[in-house]
Amino acid sequence: PNAPPSYGQKKLINKKNKNKRIKNSGGVGKNWKKL
């Protein structure tokens, strides 16, 4: 089984997901505030 991702890796993954969302939403407005 794979080892669970470390805290730092989780943060990186979350950051990447947030960046995707920012790009998808155009990066401004209501969606930005949710992050």
N, C-alpha and C. Protein backbone atom coordinates (compact mmCIF):
# COMPACT_ATOMS: atom_id res chain seq x y z
N PRO A 1 0.83 -1.21 0.00
CA PRO A 1 0.00 0.00 0.00
C PRO A 1 0.86 1.26 0.00
N ASN A 2 0.36 2.30 -0.60
CA ASN A 2 1.10 3.56 -0.64
C ASN A 2 1.07 4.22 0.73
N ALA A 3 2.18 4.86 1.07
CA ALA A 3 2.21 5.64 2.30
C ALA A 3 1.32 6.85 2.13
N PRO A 4 0.63 7.27 3.19
CA PRO A 4 -0.20 8.48 3.07
C PRO A 4 0.68 9.68 2.76
N PRO A 5 0.20 10.62 1.97
CA PRO A 5 1.02 11.80 1.65
C PRO A 5 1.34 12.60 2.91
N SER A 6 2.54 13.13 2.94
CA SER A 6 2.94 13.93 4.09
C SER A 6 2.16 15.24 4.10
N TYR A 7 2.25 15.95 5.22
CA TYR A 7 1.54 17.23 5.36
C TYR A 7 1.93 18.19 4.23
N GLY A 8 3.22 18.28 3.97
CA GLY A 8 3.71 19.18 2.92
C GLY A 8 3.18 18.82 1.55
N GLN A 9 3.14 17.51 1.27
CA GLN A 9 2.62 17.07 -0.03
C GLN A 9 1.14 17.38 -0.16
N LYS A 10 0.40 17.19 0.93
CA LYS A 10 -1.03 17.51 0.90
C LYS A 10 -1.23 18.98 0.58
N LYS A 11 -0.42 19.83 1.22
CA LYS A 11 -0.54 21.27 0.98
C LYS A 11 -0.27 21.58 -0.49
N LEU A 12 0.75 20.92 -1.06
CA LEU A 12 1.07 21.14 -2.47
C LEU A 12 -0.09 20.73 -3.36
N ILE A 13 -0.67 19.57 -3.06
CA ILE A 13 -1.80 19.08 -3.86
C ILE A 13 -2.96 20.07 -3.77
N ASN A 14 -3.24 20.54 -2.55
CA ASN A 14 -4.33 21.50 -2.37
C ASN A 14 -4.06 22.77 -3.16
N LYS A 15 -2.78 23.20 -3.14
CA LYS A 15 -2.40 24.41 -3.85
C LYS A 15 -2.66 24.24 -5.35
N LYS A 16 -2.27 23.08 -5.87
CA LYS A 16 -2.47 22.81 -7.30
C LYS A 16 -3.96 22.83 -7.64
N ASN A 17 -4.76 22.20 -6.79
CA ASN A 17 -6.21 22.16 -7.03
C ASN A 17 -6.80 23.56 -7.00
N LYS A 18 -6.33 24.37 -6.04
CA LYS A 18 -6.82 25.75 -5.95
C LYS A 18 -6.44 26.52 -7.21
N ASN A 19 -5.20 26.33 -7.66
CA ASN A 19 -4.76 27.04 -8.86
C ASN A 19 -5.62 26.67 -10.06
N LYS A 20 -5.98 25.39 -10.16
CA LYS A 20 -6.86 24.96 -11.25
C LYS A 20 -8.19 25.68 -11.16
N ARG A 21 -8.73 25.75 -9.94
CA ARG A 21 -10.02 26.40 -9.75
C ARG A 21 -9.93 27.88 -10.11
N ILE A 22 -8.84 28.51 -9.71
CA ILE A 22 -8.66 29.93 -10.00
C ILE A 22 -8.66 30.15 -11.51
N LYS A 23 -7.92 29.29 -12.23
CA LYS A 23 -7.86 29.42 -13.69
C LYS A 23 -9.24 29.21 -14.29
N ASN A 24 -9.95 28.20 -13.80
CA ASN A 24 -11.26 27.89 -14.35
C ASN A 24 -12.25 29.02 -14.12
N SER A 25 -12.11 29.71 -12.99
CA SER A 25 -13.07 30.76 -12.64
C SER A 25 -12.62 32.12 -13.16
N GLY A 26 -11.47 32.17 -13.81
CA GLY A 26 -10.96 33.44 -14.31
C GLY A 26 -10.10 34.17 -13.29
N GLY A 27 -10.03 33.64 -12.06
CA GLY A 27 -9.09 34.16 -11.07
C GLY A 27 -9.59 35.33 -10.24
N VAL A 28 -10.80 35.82 -10.49
CA VAL A 28 -11.26 36.97 -9.72
C VAL A 28 -12.70 36.81 -9.28
N GLY A 29 -13.12 37.65 -8.36
CA GLY A 29 -14.53 37.70 -7.96
C GLY A 29 -14.87 36.73 -6.86
N LYS A 30 -16.11 36.28 -6.85
CA LYS A 30 -16.65 35.48 -5.76
C LYS A 30 -15.85 34.20 -5.55
N ASN A 31 -15.45 33.55 -6.65
CA ASN A 31 -14.74 32.28 -6.53
C ASN A 31 -13.42 32.46 -5.80
N TRP A 32 -12.76 33.58 -6.04
CA TRP A 32 -11.48 33.84 -5.40
C TRP A 32 -11.67 33.93 -3.88
N LYS A 33 -12.73 34.59 -3.44
CA LYS A 33 -12.97 34.77 -2.00
C LYS A 33 -13.22 33.45 -1.30
N LYS A 34 -13.82 32.49 -2.01
CA LYS A 34 -14.09 31.18 -1.42
C LYS A 34 -12.80 30.46 -1.05
N LEU A 35 -11.73 30.70 -1.81
CA LEU A 35 -10.45 30.05 -1.52
C LEU A 35 -9.86 30.65 -0.26
